[in-house]
Amino acid sequence: MDYVEHLTSDNDRWDLLAWTYYGDPHLYEPIILANPTVPIRPFIAAGLRLRIPVIADEVVLDRDLPPWKRGRQA
């Protein structure tokens, strides 16, 4: 998997990082999983280097589509 590096600053949050990198604040789980040594707290400490997984656009956009447009068959 490819990653980009993010240097945290004051008031960084998991959901805000997901919004910044993926355009969806609910996609914070891949970021948390890629950084298992970082405590899960309301705010992330400043000065940490986080790995942000690069995910395909389809993953980000697919959740916003109605079921009949998701490209999957039931």
PDB file of N, CA and C in Angstrom:
ATOM      1  N   MET A   1       0.846  -1.184   0.000  1.00  0.00           N
ATOM      2  CA  MET A   1       0.000   0.000   0.000  1.00  0.00           C
ATOM      3  C   MET A   1       0.885   1.238   0.000  1.00  0.00           C
ATOM      4  N   ASP A   2       0.453   2.260  -0.718  1.00  0.00           N
ATOM      5  CA  ASP A   2       1.173   3.524  -0.760  1.00  0.00           C
ATOM      6  C   ASP A   2       0.693   4.432   0.365  1.00  0.00           C
ATOM      7  N   TYR A   3       1.619   5.255   0.847  1.00  0.00           N
ATOM      8  CA  TYR A   3       1.305   6.189   1.924  1.00  0.00           C
ATOM      9  C   TYR A   3       1.878   7.556   1.601  1.00  0.00           C
ATOM     10  N   VAL A   4       1.256   8.580   2.173  1.00  0.00           N
ATOM     11  CA  VAL A   4       1.856   9.910   2.217  1.00  0.00           C
ATOM     12  C   VAL A   4       2.106  10.212   3.684  1.00  0.00           C
ATOM     13  N   GLU A   5       3.041  11.071   3.942  1.00  0.00           N
ATOM     14  CA  GLU A   5       3.376  11.410   5.316  1.00  0.00           C
ATOM     15  C   GLU A   5       2.723  12.728   5.699  1.00  0.00           C
ATOM     16  N   HIS A   6       2.209  12.771   6.921  1.00  0.00           N
ATOM     17  CA  HIS A   6       1.583  13.993   7.444  1.00  0.00           C
ATOM     18  C   HIS A   6       2.231  14.316   8.780  1.00  0.00           C
ATOM     19  N   LEU A   7       2.718  15.527   8.932  1.00  0.00           N
ATOM     20  CA  LEU A   7       3.267  15.999  10.197  1.00  0.00           C
ATOM     21  C   LEU A   7       2.141  16.705  10.948  1.00  0.00           C
ATOM     22  N   THR A   8       1.780  16.174  12.105  1.00  0.00           N
ATOM     23  CA  THR A   8       0.641  16.719  12.830  1.00  0.00           C
ATOM     24  C   THR A   8       0.951  18.088  13.425  1.00  0.00           C
ATOM     25  N   SER A   9      -0.112  18.868  13.572  1.00  0.00           N
ATOM     26  CA  SER A   9      -0.012  20.178  14.209  1.00  0.00           C
ATOM     27  C   SER A   9      -1.088  20.248  15.293  1.00  0.00           C
ATOM     28  N   ASP A  10      -1.082  21.321  16.057  1.00  0.00           N
ATOM     29  CA  ASP A  10      -2.068  21.487  17.122  1.00  0.00           C
ATOM     30  C   ASP A  10      -3.482  21.338  16.573  1.00  0.00           C
ATOM     31  N   ASN A  11      -4.307  20.661  17.332  1.00  0.00           N
ATOM     32  CA  ASN A  11      -5.728  20.478  17.038  1.00  0.00           C
ATOM     33  C   ASN A  11      -6.032  19.545  15.872  1.00  0.00           C
ATOM     34  N   ASP A  12      -5.050  18.772  15.404  1.00  0.00           N
ATOM     35  CA  ASP A  12      -5.356  17.755  14.397  1.00  0.00           C
ATOM     36  C   ASP A  12      -6.242  16.691  15.031  1.00  0.00           C
ATOM     37  N   ARG A  13      -7.191  16.203  14.243  1.00  0.00           N
ATOM     38  CA  ARG A  13      -8.098  15.138  14.671  1.00  0.00           C
ATOM     39  C   ARG A  13      -8.166  14.107  13.557  1.00  0.00           C
ATOM     40  N   TRP A  14      -8.523  12.873  13.922  1.00  0.00           N
ATOM     41  CA  TRP A  14      -8.615  11.801  12.933  1.00  0.00           C
ATOM     42  C   TRP A  14      -9.625  12.137  11.840  1.00  0.00           C
ATOM     43  N   ASP A  15     -10.780  12.648  12.229  1.00  0.00           N
ATOM     44  CA  ASP A  15     -11.806  12.959  11.232  1.00  0.00           C
ATOM     45  C   ASP A  15     -11.403  14.114  10.327  1.00  0.00           C
ATOM     46  N   LEU A  16     -10.676  15.086  10.869  1.00  0.00           N
ATOM     47  CA  LEU A  16     -10.217  16.202  10.036  1.00  0.00           C
ATOM     48  C   LEU A  16      -9.144  15.755   9.036  1.00  0.00           C
ATOM     49  N   LEU A  17      -8.306  14.816   9.459  1.00  0.00           N
ATOM     50  CA  LEU A  17      -7.322  14.269   8.519  1.00  0.00           C
ATOM     51  C   LEU A  17      -8.021  13.515   7.396  1.00  0.00           C
ATOM     52  N   ALA A  18      -9.045  12.740   7.750  1.00  0.00           N
ATOM     53  CA  ALA A  18      -9.805  12.016   6.723  1.00  0.00           C
ATOM     54  C   ALA A  18     -10.473  12.996   5.764  1.00  0.00           C
ATOM     55  N   TRP A  19     -10.997  14.084   6.280  1.00  0.00           N
ATOM     56  CA  TRP A  19     -11.622  15.102   5.424  1.00  0.00           C
ATOM     57  C   TRP A  19     -10.582  15.721   4.496  1.00  0.00           C
ATOM     58  N   THR A  20      -9.421  16.038   5.065  1.00  0.00           N
ATOM     59  CA  THR A  20      -8.356  16.674   4.282  1.00  0.00           C
ATOM     60  C   THR A  20      -7.857  15.777   3.156  1.00  0.00           C
ATOM     61  N   TYR A  21      -7.612  14.520   3.464  1.00  0.00           N
ATOM     62  CA  TYR A  21      -7.000  13.626   2.481  1.00  0.00           C
ATOM     63  C   TYR A  21      -7.998  12.872   1.617  1.00  0.00           C
ATOM     64  N   TYR A  22      -9.206  12.593   2.148  1.00  0.00           N
ATOM     65  CA  TYR A  22     -10.168  11.773   1.413  1.00  0.00           C
ATOM     66  C   TYR A  22     -11.464  12.496   1.066  1.00  0.00           C
ATOM     67  N   GLY A  23     -11.669  13.679   1.641  1.00  0.00           N
ATOM     68  CA  GLY A  23     -12.911  14.394   1.380  1.00  0.00           C
ATOM     69  C   GLY A  23     -14.103  13.827   2.127  1.00  0.00           C
ATOM     70  N   ASP A  24     -13.851  12.970   3.127  1.00  0.00           N
ATOM     71  CA  ASP A  24     -14.921  12.338   3.893  1.00  0.00           C
ATOM     72  C   ASP A  24     -14.438  12.125   5.318  1.00  0.00           C
ATOM     73  N   PRO A  25     -15.024  12.819   6.288  1.00  0.00           N
ATOM     74  CA  PRO A  25     -14.553  12.675   7.672  1.00  0.00           C
ATOM     75  C   PRO A  25     -14.809  11.300   8.274  1.00  0.00           C
ATOM     76  N   HIS A  26     -15.660  10.505   7.653  1.00  0.00           N
ATOM     77  CA  HIS A  26     -15.962   9.170   8.169  1.00  0.00           C
ATOM     78  C   HIS A  26     -14.924   8.127   7.758  1.00  0.00           C
ATOM     79  N   LEU A  27     -13.995   8.482   6.901  1.00  0.00           N
ATOM     80  CA  LEU A  27     -12.977   7.539   6.437  1.00  0.00           C
ATOM     81  C   LEU A  27     -11.687   7.611   7.256  1.00  0.00           C
ATOM     82  N   TYR A  28     -11.819   7.832   8.554  1.00  0.00           N
ATOM     83  CA  TYR A  28     -10.639   7.945   9.417  1.00  0.00           C
ATOM     84  C   TYR A  28     -10.033   6.586   9.786  1.00  0.00           C
ATOM     85  N   GLU A  29     -10.789   5.503   9.667  1.00  0.00           N
ATOM     86  CA  GLU A  29     -10.296   4.192  10.098  1.00  0.00           C
ATOM     87  C   GLU A  29      -9.012   3.749   9.393  1.00  0.00           C
ATOM     88  N   PRO A  30      -8.866   3.910   8.071  1.00  0.00           N
ATOM     89  CA  PRO A  30      -7.591   3.509   7.444  1.00  0.00           C
ATOM     90  C   PRO A  30      -6.390   4.275   8.009  1.00  0.00           C
ATOM     91  N   ILE A  31      -6.603   5.516   8.395  1.00  0.00           N
ATOM     92  CA  ILE A  31      -5.507   6.318   8.962  1.00  0.00           C
ATOM     93  C   ILE A  31      -5.140   5.781  10.343  1.00  0.00           C
ATOM     94  N   ILE A  32      -6.142   5.480  11.158  1.00  0.00           N
ATOM     95  CA  ILE A  32      -5.880   4.923  12.488  1.00  0.00           C
ATOM     96  C   ILE A  32      -5.154   3.585  12.367  1.00  0.00           C
ATOM     97  N   LEU A  33      -5.613   2.729  11.469  1.00  0.00           N
ATOM     98  CA  LEU A  33      -5.002   1.413  11.308  1.00  0.00           C
ATOM     99  C   LEU A  33      -3.556   1.497  10.811  1.00  0.00           C
ATOM    100  N   ALA A  34      -3.245   2.518  10.037  1.00  0.00           N
ATOM    101  CA  ALA A  34      -1.886   2.691   9.515  1.00  0.00           C
ATOM    102  C   ALA A  34      -0.926   3.260  10.560  1.00  0.00           C
ATOM    103  N   ASN A  35      -1.473   3.697  11.693  1.00  0.00           N
ATOM    104  CA  ASN A  35      -0.665   4.323  12.746  1.00  0.00           C
ATOM    105  C   ASN A  35      -0.993   3.704  14.103  1.00  0.00           C
ATOM    106  N   PRO A  36      -0.702   2.408  14.282  1.00  0.00           N
ATOM    107  CA  PRO A  36      -1.132   1.706  15.490  1.00  0.00           C
ATOM    108  C   PRO A  36      -0.485   2.187  16.790  1.00  0.00           C
ATOM    109  N   THR A  37       0.621   2.889  16.723  1.00  0.00           N
ATOM    110  CA  THR A  37       1.283   3.348  17.948  1.00  0.00           C
ATOM    111  C   THR A  37       0.773   4.698  18.441  1.00  0.00           C
ATOM    112  N   VAL A  38      -0.081   5.346  17.657  1.00  0.00           N
ATOM    113  CA  VAL A  38      -0.606   6.661  18.043  1.00  0.00           C
ATOM    114  C   VAL A  38      -1.883   6.455  18.845  1.00  0.00           C
ATOM    115  N   PRO A  39      -1.957   7.010  20.063  1.00  0.00           N
ATOM    116  CA  PRO A  39      -3.165   6.850  20.879  1.00  0.00           C
ATOM    117  C   PRO A  39      -4.394   7.469  20.210  1.00  0.00           C
ATOM    118  N   ILE A  40      -5.521   6.806  20.377  1.00  0.00           N
ATOM    119  CA  ILE A  40      -6.778   7.317  19.826  1.00  0.00           C
ATOM    120  C   ILE A  40      -7.411   8.216  20.884  1.00  0.00           C
ATOM    121  N   ARG A  41      -7.269   9.495  20.672  1.00  0.00           N
ATOM    122  CA  ARG A  41      -7.788  10.518  21.578  1.00  0.00           C
ATOM    123  C   ARG A  41      -8.494  11.574  20.738  1.00  0.00           C
ATOM    124  N   PRO A  42      -9.252  12.476  21.391  1.00  0.00           N
ATOM    125  CA  PRO A  42      -9.962  13.501  20.612  1.00  0.00           C
ATOM    126  C   PRO A  42      -9.038  14.349  19.732  1.00  0.00           C
ATOM    127  N   PHE A  43      -7.852  14.689  20.238  1.00  0.00           N
ATOM    128  CA  PHE A  43      -6.882  15.450  19.451  1.00  0.00           C
ATOM    129  C   PHE A  43      -5.580  14.670  19.385  1.00  0.00           C
ATOM    130  N   ILE A  44      -4.892  14.777  18.254  1.00  0.00           N
ATOM    131  CA  ILE A  44      -3.619  14.087  18.057  1.00  0.00           C
ATOM    132  C   ILE A  44      -2.501  15.049  18.453  1.00  0.00           C
ATOM    133  N   ALA A  45      -1.509  14.537  19.152  1.00  0.00           N
ATOM    134  CA  ALA A  45      -0.390  15.374  19.578  1.00  0.00           C
ATOM    135  C   ALA A  45       0.309  15.996  18.372  1.00  0.00           C
ATOM    136  N   ALA A  46       0.788  17.212  18.548  1.00  0.00           N
ATOM    137  CA  ALA A  46       1.518  17.907  17.483  1.00  0.00           C
ATOM    138  C   ALA A  46       2.918  17.313  17.340  1.00  0.00           C
ATOM    139  N   GLY A  47       3.446  17.345  16.126  1.00  0.00           N
ATOM    140  CA  GLY A  47       4.810  16.926  15.857  1.00  0.00           C
ATOM    141  C   GLY A  47       4.979  15.456  15.536  1.00  0.00           C
ATOM    142  N   LEU A  48       3.888  14.708  15.371  1.00  0.00           N
ATOM    143  CA  LEU A  48       3.975  13.298  15.010  1.00  0.00           C
ATOM    144  C   LEU A  48       3.956  13.138  13.498  1.00  0.00           C
ATOM    145  N   ARG A  49       4.671  12.143  13.021  1.00  0.00           N
ATOM    146  CA  ARG A  49       4.641  11.819  11.596  1.00  0.00           C
ATOM    147  C   ARG A  49       3.680  10.650  11.409  1.00  0.00           C
ATOM    148  N   LEU A  50       2.570  10.915  10.734  1.00  0.00           N
ATOM    149  CA  LEU A  50       1.566   9.898  10.486  1.00  0.00           C
ATOM    150  C   LEU A  50       1.663   9.394   9.057  1.00  0.00           C
ATOM    151  N   ARG A  51       1.315   8.124   8.890  1.00  0.00           N
ATOM    152  CA  ARG A  51       1.196   7.544   7.554  1.00  0.00           C
ATOM    153  C   ARG A  51      -0.269   7.647   7.140  1.00  0.00           C
ATOM    154  N   ILE A  52      -0.502   8.257   5.995  1.00  0.00           N
ATOM    155  CA  ILE A  52      -1.849   8.381   5.451  1.00  0.00           C
ATOM    156  C   ILE A  52      -1.935   7.460   4.237  1.00  0.00           C
ATOM    157  N   PRO A  53      -2.729   6.377   4.338  1.00  0.00           N
ATOM    158  CA  PRO A  53      -2.834   5.468   3.194  1.00  0.00           C
ATOM    159  C   PRO A  53      -3.451   6.163   1.977  1.00  0.00           C
ATOM    160  N   VAL A  54      -2.910   5.856   0.826  1.00  0.00           N
ATOM    161  CA  VAL A  54      -3.481   6.342  -0.427  1.00  0.00           C
ATOM    162  C   VAL A  54      -4.552   5.334  -0.825  1.00  0.00           C
ATOM    163  N   ILE A  55      -5.794   5.796  -0.916  1.00  0.00           N
ATOM    164  CA  ILE A  55      -6.877   4.906  -1.309  1.00  0.00           C
ATOM    165  C   ILE A  55      -7.448   5.371  -2.636  1.00  0.00           C
ATOM    166  N   ALA A  56      -7.978   4.420  -3.367  1.00  0.00           N
ATOM    167  CA  ALA A  56      -8.517   4.714  -4.694  1.00  0.00           C
ATOM    168  C   ALA A  56      -9.736   5.614  -4.587  1.00  0.00           C
ATOM    169  N   ASP A  57      -9.919   6.484  -5.559  1.00  0.00           N
ATOM    170  CA  ASP A  57     -11.069   7.386  -5.571  1.00  0.00           C
ATOM    171  C   ASP A  57     -12.382   6.629  -5.505  1.00  0.00           C
ATOM    172  N   GLU A  58     -12.442   5.453  -6.101  1.00  0.00           N
ATOM    173  CA  GLU A  58     -13.683   4.681  -6.103  1.00  0.00           C
ATOM    174  C   GLU A  58     -14.126   4.351  -4.682  1.00  0.00           C
ATOM    175  N   VAL A  59     -13.170   4.099  -3.803  1.00  0.00           N
ATOM    176  CA  VAL A  59     -13.507   3.768  -2.418  1.00  0.00           C
ATOM    177  C   VAL A  59     -14.147   4.965  -1.735  1.00  0.00           C
ATOM    178  N   VAL A  60     -13.617   6.128  -1.981  1.00  0.00           N
ATOM    179  CA  VAL A  60     -14.136   7.330  -1.343  1.00  0.00           C
ATOM    180  C   VAL A  60     -15.500   7.687  -1.912  1.00  0.00           C
ATOM    181  N   LEU A  61     -15.654   7.619  -3.201  1.00  0.00           N
ATOM    182  CA  LEU A  61     -16.886   8.078  -3.834  1.00  0.00           C
ATOM    183  C   LEU A  61     -18.004   7.048  -3.780  1.00  0.00           C
ATOM    184  N   ASP A  62     -17.673   5.782  -3.742  1.00  0.00           N
ATOM    185  CA  ASP A  62     -18.665   4.726  -3.813  1.00  0.00           C
ATOM    186  C   ASP A  62     -19.693   4.803  -2.687  1.00  0.00           C
ATOM    187  N   ARG A  63     -19.288   5.158  -1.500  1.00  0.00           N
ATOM    188  CA  ARG A  63     -20.197   5.182  -0.353  1.00  0.00           C
ATOM    189  C   ARG A  63     -21.283   6.251  -0.498  1.00  0.00           C
ATOM    190  N   ASP A  64     -21.065   7.250  -1.327  1.00  0.00           N
ATOM    191  CA  ASP A  64     -22.043   8.318  -1.496  1.00  0.00           C
ATOM    192  C   ASP A  64     -23.046   8.048  -2.615  1.00  0.00           C
ATOM    193  N   LEU A  65     -22.842   6.982  -3.353  1.00  0.00           N
ATOM    194  CA  LEU A  65     -23.736   6.673  -4.463  1.00  0.00           C
ATOM    195  C   LEU A  65     -24.900   5.808  -3.999  1.00  0.00           C
ATOM    196  N   PRO A  66     -26.040   5.935  -4.644  1.00  0.00           N
ATOM    197  CA  PRO A  66     -27.142   5.026  -4.331  1.00  0.00           C
ATOM    198  C   PRO A  66     -26.756   3.607  -4.754  1.00  0.00           C
ATOM    199  N   PRO A  67     -27.373   2.590  -4.154  1.00  0.00           N
ATOM    200  CA  PRO A  67     -26.976   1.198  -4.415  1.00  0.00           C
ATOM    201  C   PRO A  67     -26.956   0.813  -5.889  1.00  0.00           C
ATOM    202  N   TRP A  68     -27.897   1.319  -6.679  1.00  0.00           N
ATOM    203  CA  TRP A  68     -27.948   0.933  -8.079  1.00  0.00           C
ATOM    204  C   TRP A  68     -26.847   1.563  -8.936  1.00  0.00           C
ATOM    205  N   LYS A  69     -26.067   2.489  -8.363  1.00  0.00           N
ATOM    206  CA  LYS A  69     -24.973   3.103  -9.111  1.00  0.00           C
ATOM    207  C   LYS A  69     -23.601   2.704  -8.576  1.00  0.00           C
ATOM    208  N   ARG A  70     -23.539   1.803  -7.642  1.00  0.00           N
ATOM    209  CA  ARG A  70     -22.280   1.452  -7.005  1.00  0.00           C
ATOM    210  C   ARG A  70     -21.440   0.467  -7.804  1.00  0.00           C
ATOM    211  N   GLY A  71     -21.955  -0.074  -8.854  1.00  0.00           N
ATOM    212  CA  GLY A  71     -21.176  -0.987  -9.670  1.00  0.00           C
ATOM    213  C   GLY A  71     -21.124  -2.386  -9.119  1.00  0.00           C
ATOM    214  N   ARG A  72     -21.863  -2.635  -8.050  1.00  0.00           N
ATOM    215  CA  ARG A  72     -21.932  -3.981  -7.463  1.00  0.00           C
ATOM    216  C   ARG A  72     -23.318  -4.532  -7.691  1.00  0.00           C
ATOM    217  N   GLN A  73     -23.389  -5.793  -7.890  1.00  0.00           N
ATOM    218  CA  GLN A  73     -24.696  -6.417  -8.057  1.00  0.00           C
ATOM    219  C   GLN A  73     -25.059  -7.141  -6.776  1.00  0.00           C
ATOM    220  N   ALA A  74     -26.309  -7.006  -6.384  1.00  0.00           N
ATOM    221  CA  ALA A  74     -26.769  -7.656  -5.147  1.00  0.00           C
ATOM    222  C   ALA A  74     -26.982  -9.127  -5.360  1.00  0.00           C
TER     223      ALA A  74
END
